[in-house]
All heavy atoms as atom14 arrays in JSON, in Angstrom:
{
  "sequence": "LTAGEPDGVANMANVAALLWEFLPDLNWAGFYRVAPAKSGEERE",
  "atom14_mask": [
    [1, 1, 1, 1, 1, 1, 1, 1, 0, 0, 0, 0, 0, 0],
    [1, 1, 1, 1, 1, 1, 1, 0, 0, 0, 0, 0, 0, 0],
    [1, 1, 1, 1, 1, 0, 0, 0, 0, 0, 0, 0, 0, 0],
    [1, 1, 1, 1, 0, 0, 0, 0, 0, 0, 0, 0, 0, 0],
    [1, 1, 1, 1, 1, 1, 1, 1, 1, 0, 0, 0, 0, 0],
    [1, 1, 1, 1, 1, 1, 1, 0, 0, 0, 0, 0, 0, 0],
    [1, 1, 1, 1, 1, 1, 1, 1, 0, 0, 0, 0, 0, 0],
    [1, 1, 1, 1, 0, 0, 0, 0, 0, 0, 0, 0, 0, 0],
    [1, 1, 1, 1, 1, 1, 1, 0, 0, 0, 0, 0, 0, 0],
    [1, 1, 1, 1, 1, 0, 0, 0, 0, 0, 0, 0, 0, 0],
    [1, 1, 1, 1, 1, 1, 1, 1, 0, 0, 0, 0, 0, 0],
    [1, 1, 1, 1, 1, 1, 1, 1, 0, 0, 0, 0, 0, 0],
    [1, 1, 1, 1, 1, 0, 0, 0, 0, 0, 0, 0, 0, 0],
    [1, 1, 1, 1, 1, 1, 1, 1, 0, 0, 0, 0, 0, 0],
    [1, 1, 1, 1, 1, 1, 1, 0, 0, 0, 0, 0, 0, 0],
    [1, 1, 1, 1, 1, 0, 0, 0, 0, 0, 0, 0, 0, 0],
    [1, 1, 1, 1, 1, 0, 0, 0, 0, 0, 0, 0, 0, 0],
    [1, 1, 1, 1, 1, 1, 1, 1, 0, 0, 0, 0, 0, 0],
    [1, 1, 1, 1, 1, 1, 1, 1, 0, 0, 0, 0, 0, 0],
    [1, 1, 1, 1, 1, 1, 1, 1, 1, 1, 1, 1, 1, 1],
    [1, 1, 1, 1, 1, 1, 1, 1, 1, 0, 0, 0, 0, 0],
    [1, 1, 1, 1, 1, 1, 1, 1, 1, 1, 1, 0, 0, 0],
    [1, 1, 1, 1, 1, 1, 1, 1, 0, 0, 0, 0, 0, 0],
    [1, 1, 1, 1, 1, 1, 1, 0, 0, 0, 0, 0, 0, 0],
    [1, 1, 1, 1, 1, 1, 1, 1, 0, 0, 0, 0, 0, 0],
    [1, 1, 1, 1, 1, 1, 1, 1, 0, 0, 0, 0, 0, 0],
    [1, 1, 1, 1, 1, 1, 1, 1, 0, 0, 0, 0, 0, 0],
    [1, 1, 1, 1, 1, 1, 1, 1, 1, 1, 1, 1, 1, 1],
    [1, 1, 1, 1, 1, 0, 0, 0, 0, 0, 0, 0, 0, 0],
    [1, 1, 1, 1, 0, 0, 0, 0, 0, 0, 0, 0, 0, 0],
    [1, 1, 1, 1, 1, 1, 1, 1, 1, 1, 1, 0, 0, 0],
    [1, 1, 1, 1, 1, 1, 1, 1, 1, 1, 1, 1, 0, 0],
    [1, 1, 1, 1, 1, 1, 1, 1, 1, 1, 1, 0, 0, 0],
    [1, 1, 1, 1, 1, 1, 1, 0, 0, 0, 0, 0, 0, 0],
    [1, 1, 1, 1, 1, 0, 0, 0, 0, 0, 0, 0, 0, 0],
    [1, 1, 1, 1, 1, 1, 1, 0, 0, 0, 0, 0, 0, 0],
    [1, 1, 1, 1, 1, 0, 0, 0, 0, 0, 0, 0, 0, 0],
    [1, 1, 1, 1, 1, 1, 1, 1, 1, 0, 0, 0, 0, 0],
    [1, 1, 1, 1, 1, 1, 0, 0, 0, 0, 0, 0, 0, 0],
    [1, 1, 1, 1, 0, 0, 0, 0, 0, 0, 0, 0, 0, 0],
    [1, 1, 1, 1, 1, 1, 1, 1, 1, 0, 0, 0, 0, 0],
    [1, 1, 1, 1, 1, 1, 1, 1, 1, 0, 0, 0, 0, 0],
    [1, 1, 1, 1, 1, 1, 1, 1, 1, 1, 1, 0, 0, 0],
    [1, 1, 1, 1, 1, 1, 1, 1, 1, 0, 0, 0, 0, 0]
  ],
  "atom14_positions": [
    [[4.36, -14.52, 10.07], [5.39, -14.02, 9.25], [5.9, -12.61, 9.65], [7.05, -12.28, 9.34], [4.93, -13.89, 7.76], [4.93, -15.21, 6.97], [4.28, -14.99, 5.64], [6.34, -15.71, 6.79], [0.0, 0.0, 0.0], [0.0, 0.0, 0.0], [0.0, 0.0, 0.0], [0.0, 0.0, 0.0], [0.0, 0.0, 0.0], [0.0, 0.0, 0.0]],
    [[5.07, -11.81, 10.25], [5.49, -10.42, 10.48], [5.91, -10.13, 11.91], [6.48, -9.13, 12.22], [4.34, -9.41, 10.1], [3.2, -9.69, 10.92], [4.01, -9.61, 8.61], [0.0, 0.0, 0.0], [0.0, 0.0, 0.0], [0.0, 0.0, 0.0], [0.0, 0.0, 0.0], [0.0, 0.0, 0.0], [0.0, 0.0, 0.0], [0.0, 0.0, 0.0]],
    [[5.57, -11.02, 12.86], [5.88, -10.78, 14.26], [7.32, -10.66, 14.45], [8.13, -11.51, 14.06], [5.34, -11.98, 15.09], [0.0, 0.0, 0.0], [0.0, 0.0, 0.0], [0.0, 0.0, 0.0], [0.0, 0.0, 0.0], [0.0, 0.0, 0.0], [0.0, 0.0, 0.0], [0.0, 0.0, 0.0], [0.0, 0.0, 0.0], [0.0, 0.0, 0.0]],
    [[7.8, -9.6, 15.04], [9.21, -9.45, 15.37], [10.01, -8.89, 14.21], [11.21, -8.6, 14.38], [0.0, 0.0, 0.0], [0.0, 0.0, 0.0], [0.0, 0.0, 0.0], [0.0, 0.0, 0.0], [0.0, 0.0, 0.0], [0.0, 0.0, 0.0], [0.0, 0.0, 0.0], [0.0, 0.0, 0.0], [0.0, 0.0, 0.0], [0.0, 0.0, 0.0]],
    [[9.46, -8.76, 13.01], [10.18, -8.23, 11.79], [9.97, -6.77, 11.7], [8.85, -6.29, 11.51], [9.78, -8.95, 10.55], [10.38, -8.4, 9.27], [11.93, -8.29, 9.36], [12.62, -9.3, 9.64], [12.45, -7.2, 9.29], [0.0, 0.0, 0.0], [0.0, 0.0, 0.0], [0.0, 0.0, 0.0], [0.0, 0.0, 0.0], [0.0, 0.0, 0.0]],
    [[11.08, -5.97, 11.84], [10.9, -4.49, 11.89], [10.77, -3.9, 10.49], [10.45, -2.69, 10.38], [12.12, -4.0, 12.6], [13.16, -5.04, 12.3], [12.4, -6.35, 12.22], [0.0, 0.0, 0.0], [0.0, 0.0, 0.0], [0.0, 0.0, 0.0], [0.0, 0.0, 0.0], [0.0, 0.0, 0.0], [0.0, 0.0, 0.0], [0.0, 0.0, 0.0]],
    [[11.13, -4.66, 9.42], [11.11, -3.97, 8.05], [9.7, -4.08, 7.48], [9.21, -5.13, 7.13], [12.07, -4.75, 7.13], [12.27, -4.01, 5.85], [11.3, -3.96, 5.05], [13.33, -3.43, 5.69], [0.0, 0.0, 0.0], [0.0, 0.0, 0.0], [0.0, 0.0, 0.0], [0.0, 0.0, 0.0], [0.0, 0.0, 0.0], [0.0, 0.0, 0.0]],
    [[9.07, -2.85, 7.36], [7.68, -2.79, 6.88], [7.53, -3.29, 5.46], [6.51, -3.86, 5.09], [0.0, 0.0, 0.0], [0.0, 0.0, 0.0], [0.0, 0.0, 0.0], [0.0, 0.0, 0.0], [0.0, 0.0, 0.0], [0.0, 0.0, 0.0], [0.0, 0.0, 0.0], [0.0, 0.0, 0.0], [0.0, 0.0, 0.0], [0.0, 0.0, 0.0]],
    [[8.55, -2.98, 4.57], [8.45, -3.44, 3.19], [8.43, -4.94, 3.12], [7.63, -5.55, 2.37], [9.6, -2.8, 2.34], [9.6, -3.39, 0.91], [9.43, -1.28, 2.26], [0.0, 0.0, 0.0], [0.0, 0.0, 0.0], [0.0, 0.0, 0.0], [0.0, 0.0, 0.0], [0.0, 0.0, 0.0], [0.0, 0.0, 0.0], [0.0, 0.0, 0.0]],
    [[9.28, -5.59, 3.88], [9.34, -7.07, 3.87], [8.01, -7.64, 4.42], [7.47, -8.52, 3.82], [10.48, -7.53, 4.77], [0.0, 0.0, 0.0], [0.0, 0.0, 0.0], [0.0, 0.0, 0.0], [0.0, 0.0, 0.0], [0.0, 0.0, 0.0], [0.0, 0.0, 0.0], [0.0, 0.0, 0.0], [0.0, 0.0, 0.0], [0.0, 0.0, 0.0]],
    [[7.42, -6.97, 5.38], [6.15, -7.47, 5.94], [5.04, -7.27, 4.92], [4.24, -8.17, 4.77], [5.83, -6.73, 7.22], [6.71, -7.27, 8.36], [7.29, -8.35, 8.31], [6.88, -6.43, 9.36], [0.0, 0.0, 0.0], [0.0, 0.0, 0.0], [0.0, 0.0, 0.0], [0.0, 0.0, 0.0], [0.0, 0.0, 0.0], [0.0, 0.0, 0.0]],
    [[4.99, -6.15, 4.24], [4.02, -5.91, 3.19], [4.11, -6.92, 2.0], [3.19, -7.5, 1.52], [4.08, -4.51, 2.63], [3.51, -3.52, 3.56], [3.42, -1.78, 2.9], [5.13, -1.31, 3.07], [0.0, 0.0, 0.0], [0.0, 0.0, 0.0], [0.0, 0.0, 0.0], [0.0, 0.0, 0.0], [0.0, 0.0, 0.0], [0.0, 0.0, 0.0]],
    [[5.44, -7.22, 1.63], [5.65, -8.15, 0.59], [5.16, -9.56, 0.9], [4.49, -10.22, 0.15], [7.14, -8.18, 0.22], [0.0, 0.0, 0.0], [0.0, 0.0, 0.0], [0.0, 0.0, 0.0], [0.0, 0.0, 0.0], [0.0, 0.0, 0.0], [0.0, 0.0, 0.0], [0.0, 0.0, 0.0], [0.0, 0.0, 0.0], [0.0, 0.0, 0.0]],
    [[5.5, -10.02, 2.1], [5.0, -11.33, 2.52], [3.51, -11.41, 2.61], [2.88, -12.39, 2.25], [5.62, -11.74, 3.81], [6.89, -12.6, 3.57], [7.08, -13.22, 2.62], [7.8, -12.58, 4.63], [0.0, 0.0, 0.0], [0.0, 0.0, 0.0], [0.0, 0.0, 0.0], [0.0, 0.0, 0.0], [0.0, 0.0, 0.0], [0.0, 0.0, 0.0]],
    [[2.88, -10.3, 3.13], [1.41, -10.31, 3.28], [0.73, -10.28, 1.93], [-0.27, -10.95, 1.72], [0.92, -9.19, 4.21], [-0.58, -9.09, 4.16], [1.38, -9.54, 5.64], [0.0, 0.0, 0.0], [0.0, 0.0, 0.0], [0.0, 0.0, 0.0], [0.0, 0.0, 0.0], [0.0, 0.0, 0.0], [0.0, 0.0, 0.0], [0.0, 0.0, 0.0]],
    [[1.29, -9.53, 0.92], [0.79, -9.52, -0.36], [0.78, -10.94, -0.95], [-0.19, -11.4, -1.6], [1.59, -8.59, -1.31], [0.0, 0.0, 0.0], [0.0, 0.0, 0.0], [0.0, 0.0, 0.0], [0.0, 0.0, 0.0], [0.0, 0.0, 0.0], [0.0, 0.0, 0.0], [0.0, 0.0, 0.0], [0.0, 0.0, 0.0], [0.0, 0.0, 0.0]],
    [[1.88, -11.68, -0.74], [1.92, -13.06, -1.23], [0.9, -13.96, -0.54], [0.27, -14.81, -1.15], [3.36, -13.61, -0.98], [0.0, 0.0, 0.0], [0.0, 0.0, 0.0], [0.0, 0.0, 0.0], [0.0, 0.0, 0.0], [0.0, 0.0, 0.0], [0.0, 0.0, 0.0], [0.0, 0.0, 0.0], [0.0, 0.0, 0.0], [0.0, 0.0, 0.0]],
    [[0.69, -13.73, 0.79], [-0.27, -14.46, 1.51], [-1.72, -14.19, 1.0], [-2.49, -15.11, 0.81], [-0.28, -14.17, 3.01], [0.92, -14.74, 3.83], [0.83, -14.21, 5.23], [0.84, -16.26, 3.83], [0.0, 0.0, 0.0], [0.0, 0.0, 0.0], [0.0, 0.0, 0.0], [0.0, 0.0, 0.0], [0.0, 0.0, 0.0], [0.0, 0.0, 0.0]],
    [[-2.01, -12.97, 0.7], [-3.37, -12.62, 0.22], [-3.57, -13.33, -1.14], [-4.67, -13.89, -1.32], [-3.43, -11.12, -0.01], [-3.53, -10.25, 1.22], [-3.18, -8.79, 0.93], [-4.85, -10.35, 1.88], [0.0, 0.0, 0.0], [0.0, 0.0, 0.0], [0.0, 0.0, 0.0], [0.0, 0.0, 0.0], [0.0, 0.0, 0.0], [0.0, 0.0, 0.0]],
    [[-2.53, -13.36, -1.97], [-2.67, -14.02, -3.27], [-2.94, -15.55, -3.04], [-3.69, -16.13, -3.85], [-1.39, -13.72, -4.05], [-1.45, -14.17, -5.51], [-0.96, -15.34, -6.04], [-2.02, -13.44, -6.53], [-1.22, -15.37, -7.36], [-1.77, -14.19, -7.75], [-2.64, -12.16, -6.66], [-2.2, -13.79, -9.0], [-3.09, -11.8, -7.9], [-2.9, -12.56, -9.05]],
    [[-2.26, -16.05, -2.08], [-2.26, -17.51, -1.87], [-3.67, -17.93, -1.24], [-4.23, -18.93, -1.56], [-1.17, -17.97, -0.93], [-1.01, -19.43, -0.73], [-0.51, -20.19, -1.92], [0.31, -19.63, -2.72], [-0.93, -21.38, -2.07], [0.0, 0.0, 0.0], [0.0, 0.0, 0.0], [0.0, 0.0, 0.0], [0.0, 0.0, 0.0], [0.0, 0.0, 0.0]],
    [[-4.15, -17.07, -0.32], [-5.29, -17.46, 0.51], [-6.65, -17.13, -0.16], [-7.6, -17.72, 0.13], [-5.26, -16.8, 1.85], [-4.48, -17.58, 2.86], [-3.04, -17.65, 2.81], [-5.1, -18.22, 3.92], [-2.36, -18.4, 3.77], [-4.44, -18.92, 4.85], [-3.05, -19.05, 4.8], [0.0, 0.0, 0.0], [0.0, 0.0, 0.0], [0.0, 0.0, 0.0]],
    [[-6.72, -16.08, -0.95], [-7.97, -15.56, -1.46], [-8.05, -15.9, -2.91], [-7.33, -15.35, -3.76], [-8.04, -14.04, -1.25], [-8.03, -13.64, 0.22], [-8.06, -12.17, 0.37], [-9.08, -14.35, 1.12], [0.0, 0.0, 0.0], [0.0, 0.0, 0.0], [0.0, 0.0, 0.0], [0.0, 0.0, 0.0], [0.0, 0.0, 0.0], [0.0, 0.0, 0.0]],
    [[-9.03, -16.72, -3.3], [-9.18, -17.05, -4.78], [-9.76, -15.96, -5.53], [-10.31, -15.02, -5.02], [-10.11, -18.29, -4.66], [-10.85, -18.05, -3.41], [-10.0, -17.43, -2.47], [0.0, 0.0, 0.0], [0.0, 0.0, 0.0], [0.0, 0.0, 0.0], [0.0, 0.0, 0.0], [0.0, 0.0, 0.0], [0.0, 0.0, 0.0], [0.0, 0.0, 0.0]],
    [[-9.6, -16.12, -6.85], [-10.21, -15.18, -7.84], [-9.77, -13.77, -7.7], [-10.58, -12.77, -7.76], [-11.76, -15.27, -7.75], [-12.46, -14.74, -8.92], [-11.85, -14.73, -10.04], [-13.64, -14.33, -8.85], [0.0, 0.0, 0.0], [0.0, 0.0, 0.0], [0.0, 0.0, 0.0], [0.0, 0.0, 0.0], [0.0, 0.0, 0.0], [0.0, 0.0, 0.0]],
    [[-8.43, -13.53, -7.51], [-7.88, -12.19, -7.5], [-7.06, -11.96, -8.76], [-6.48, -12.94, -9.33], [-6.94, -12.01, -6.31], [-7.5, -12.16, -4.9], [-6.44, -11.87, -3.87], [-8.69, -11.24, -4.71], [0.0, 0.0, 0.0], [0.0, 0.0, 0.0], [0.0, 0.0, 0.0], [0.0, 0.0, 0.0], [0.0, 0.0, 0.0], [0.0, 0.0, 0.0]],
    [[-6.99, -10.77, -9.17], [-5.96, -10.49, -10.26], [-4.95, -9.4, -9.75], [-4.07, -9.03, -10.51], [-6.65, -10.04, -11.61], [-7.46, -8.78, -11.4], [-8.15, -8.54, -10.41], [-7.41, -7.94, -12.45], [0.0, 0.0, 0.0], [0.0, 0.0, 0.0], [0.0, 0.0, 0.0], [0.0, 0.0, 0.0], [0.0, 0.0, 0.0], [0.0, 0.0, 0.0]],
    [[-5.14, -8.93, -8.52], [-4.16, -8.02, -7.9], [-4.37, -8.0, -6.43], [-5.49, -8.0, -5.92], [-4.4, -6.58, -8.45], [-3.2, -5.71, -8.33], [-2.23, -5.52, -9.34], [-2.81, -4.89, -7.26], [-1.29, -4.67, -8.9], [-1.59, -4.25, -7.6], [-3.26, -4.64, -5.97], [-0.88, -3.38, -6.77], [-2.61, -3.77, -5.13], [-1.45, -3.14, -5.53]],
    [[-3.26, -8.07, -5.63], [-3.32, -7.99, -4.2], [-2.07, -7.26, -3.72], [-0.96, -7.7, -4.09], [-3.38, -9.38, -3.6], [0.0, 0.0, 0.0], [0.0, 0.0, 0.0], [0.0, 0.0, 0.0], [0.0, 0.0, 0.0], [0.0, 0.0, 0.0], [0.0, 0.0, 0.0], [0.0, 0.0, 0.0], [0.0, 0.0, 0.0], [0.0, 0.0, 0.0]],
    [[-2.29, -6.25, -2.9], [-1.09, -5.55, -2.42], [-1.41, -4.3, -1.68], [-2.5, -4.06, -1.13], [0.0, 0.0, 0.0], [0.0, 0.0, 0.0], [0.0, 0.0, 0.0], [0.0, 0.0, 0.0], [0.0, 0.0, 0.0], [0.0, 0.0, 0.0], [0.0, 0.0, 0.0], [0.0, 0.0, 0.0], [0.0, 0.0, 0.0], [0.0, 0.0, 0.0]],
    [[-0.38, -3.45, -1.58], [-0.43, -2.29, -0.73], [-0.11, -1.01, -1.55], [0.7, -0.97, -2.46], [0.66, -2.4, 0.34], [0.34, -3.46, 1.32], [0.74, -4.77, 1.1], [-0.26, -3.14, 2.53], [0.45, -5.74, 2.04], [-0.5, -4.19, 3.44], [-0.17, -5.5, 3.15], [0.0, 0.0, 0.0], [0.0, 0.0, 0.0], [0.0, 0.0, 0.0]],
    [[-0.76, 0.09, -1.13], [-0.38, 1.44, -1.42], [-0.06, 2.07, -0.06], [-0.79, 1.94, 0.88], [-1.46, 2.2, -2.12], [-1.57, 1.91, -3.64], [-2.34, 0.87, -4.1], [-0.78, 2.65, -4.52], [-2.42, 0.61, -5.46], [-0.9, 2.35, -5.88], [-1.67, 1.33, -6.37], [-1.76, 1.05, -7.66], [0.0, 0.0, 0.0], [0.0, 0.0, 0.0]],
    [[1.09, 2.78, 0.0], [1.46, 3.42, 1.22], [1.32, 4.88, 1.06], [1.48, 5.5, 0.0], [2.87, 2.99, 1.63], [3.77, 2.72, 0.6], [5.15, 2.15, 0.82], [5.83, 2.36, -0.36], [6.5, 3.52, -0.57], [6.55, 4.47, 0.33], [7.05, 3.67, -1.74], [0.0, 0.0, 0.0], [0.0, 0.0, 0.0], [0.0, 0.0, 0.0]],
    [[1.12, 5.57, 2.21], [0.98, 6.97, 2.22], [2.43, 7.61, 2.21], [3.29, 7.22, 3.0], [0.21, 7.49, 3.45], [0.16, 8.98, 3.55], [-1.22, 6.93, 3.47], [0.0, 0.0, 0.0], [0.0, 0.0, 0.0], [0.0, 0.0, 0.0], [0.0, 0.0, 0.0], [0.0, 0.0, 0.0], [0.0, 0.0, 0.0], [0.0, 0.0, 0.0]],
    [[2.56, 8.6, 1.32], [3.85, 9.31, 1.21], [3.6, 10.68, 0.65], [2.55, 11.0, 0.22], [4.77, 8.54, 0.13], [0.0, 0.0, 0.0], [0.0, 0.0, 0.0], [0.0, 0.0, 0.0], [0.0, 0.0, 0.0], [0.0, 0.0, 0.0], [0.0, 0.0, 0.0], [0.0, 0.0, 0.0], [0.0, 0.0, 0.0], [0.0, 0.0, 0.0]],
    [[4.64, 11.53, 0.81], [4.46, 12.92, 0.29], [4.22, 12.86, -1.14], [4.79, 12.02, -1.9], [5.81, 13.54, 0.63], [6.34, 12.74, 1.73], [5.92, 11.33, 1.52], [0.0, 0.0, 0.0], [0.0, 0.0, 0.0], [0.0, 0.0, 0.0], [0.0, 0.0, 0.0], [0.0, 0.0, 0.0], [0.0, 0.0, 0.0], [0.0, 0.0, 0.0]],
    [[3.45, 13.8, -1.68], [3.2, 13.9, -3.13], [4.47, 14.3, -3.76], [5.34, 14.92, -3.1], [2.02, 14.81, -3.35], [0.0, 0.0, 0.0], [0.0, 0.0, 0.0], [0.0, 0.0, 0.0], [0.0, 0.0, 0.0], [0.0, 0.0, 0.0], [0.0, 0.0, 0.0], [0.0, 0.0, 0.0], [0.0, 0.0, 0.0], [0.0, 0.0, 0.0]],
    [[4.57, 14.17, -5.08], [5.72, 14.65, -5.85], [5.99, 16.1, -5.58], [7.11, 16.56, -5.49], [5.5, 14.4, -7.36], [5.78, 12.97, -7.72], [5.63, 12.91, -9.3], [5.89, 11.59, -9.88], [5.72, 11.6, -11.27], [0.0, 0.0, 0.0], [0.0, 0.0, 0.0], [0.0, 0.0, 0.0], [0.0, 0.0, 0.0], [0.0, 0.0, 0.0]],
    [[4.92, 16.84, -5.5], [5.04, 18.28, -5.26], [5.47, 18.59, -3.83], [5.99, 19.73, -3.6], [3.72, 19.03, -5.49], [2.77, 18.58, -4.56], [0.0, 0.0, 0.0], [0.0, 0.0, 0.0], [0.0, 0.0, 0.0], [0.0, 0.0, 0.0], [0.0, 0.0, 0.0], [0.0, 0.0, 0.0], [0.0, 0.0, 0.0], [0.0, 0.0, 0.0]],
    [[5.34, 17.61, -2.96], [5.8, 17.77, -1.56], [4.84, 18.54, -0.73], [4.98, 18.7, 0.48], [0.0, 0.0, 0.0], [0.0, 0.0, 0.0], [0.0, 0.0, 0.0], [0.0, 0.0, 0.0], [0.0, 0.0, 0.0], [0.0, 0.0, 0.0], [0.0, 0.0, 0.0], [0.0, 0.0, 0.0], [0.0, 0.0, 0.0], [0.0, 0.0, 0.0]],
    [[3.71, 19.03, -1.33], [2.72, 19.84, -0.57], [1.64, 18.97, 0.05], [1.0, 19.41, 0.98], [2.13, 20.87, -1.51], [3.12, 21.87, -1.99], [2.51, 22.83, -2.99], [1.26, 22.87, -3.11], [3.28, 23.44, -3.78], [0.0, 0.0, 0.0], [0.0, 0.0, 0.0], [0.0, 0.0, 0.0], [0.0, 0.0, 0.0], [0.0, 0.0, 0.0]],
    [[1.41, 17.86, -0.47], [0.27, 16.97, 0.04], [0.76, 15.54, 0.21], [1.88, 15.22, -0.18], [-0.86, 17.0, -0.95], [-1.46, 18.35, -1.21], [-2.56, 18.3, -2.27], [-3.11, 17.23, -2.51], [-2.86, 19.38, -2.8], [0.0, 0.0, 0.0], [0.0, 0.0, 0.0], [0.0, 0.0, 0.0], [0.0, 0.0, 0.0], [0.0, 0.0, 0.0]],
    [[-0.11, 14.69, 0.68], [0.17, 13.3, 0.77], [-0.64, 12.6, -0.32], [-1.69, 12.98, -0.76], [-0.22, 12.68, 2.1], [0.52, 13.32, 3.25], [0.07, 12.79, 4.57], [-1.39, 12.82, 4.67], [-2.07, 11.98, 5.41], [-1.56, 11.0, 6.07], [-3.46, 12.04, 5.45], [0.0, 0.0, 0.0], [0.0, 0.0, 0.0], [0.0, 0.0, 0.0]],
    [[-0.1, 11.39, -0.76], [-0.79, 10.6, -1.73], [-0.4, 9.17, -1.5], [0.47, 8.89, -0.69], [-0.46, 10.98, -3.18], [0.94, 10.87, -3.54], [1.29, 11.46, -4.93], [0.37, 11.88, -5.66], [2.48, 11.51, -5.28], [0.0, 0.0, 0.0], [0.0, 0.0, 0.0], [0.0, 0.0, 0.0], [0.0, 0.0, 0.0], [0.0, 0.0, 0.0]]
  ]
}
């Protein structure tokens, strides 16, 4: 699903769906990405 696709958000979305489909007994599956903090001084 991700080979050759340059859009990281699309790739994360498809993989989140795959995790949900492949792994039983989940109530949440997905990503948190590293970004600047609201204050702009740190990452979160």
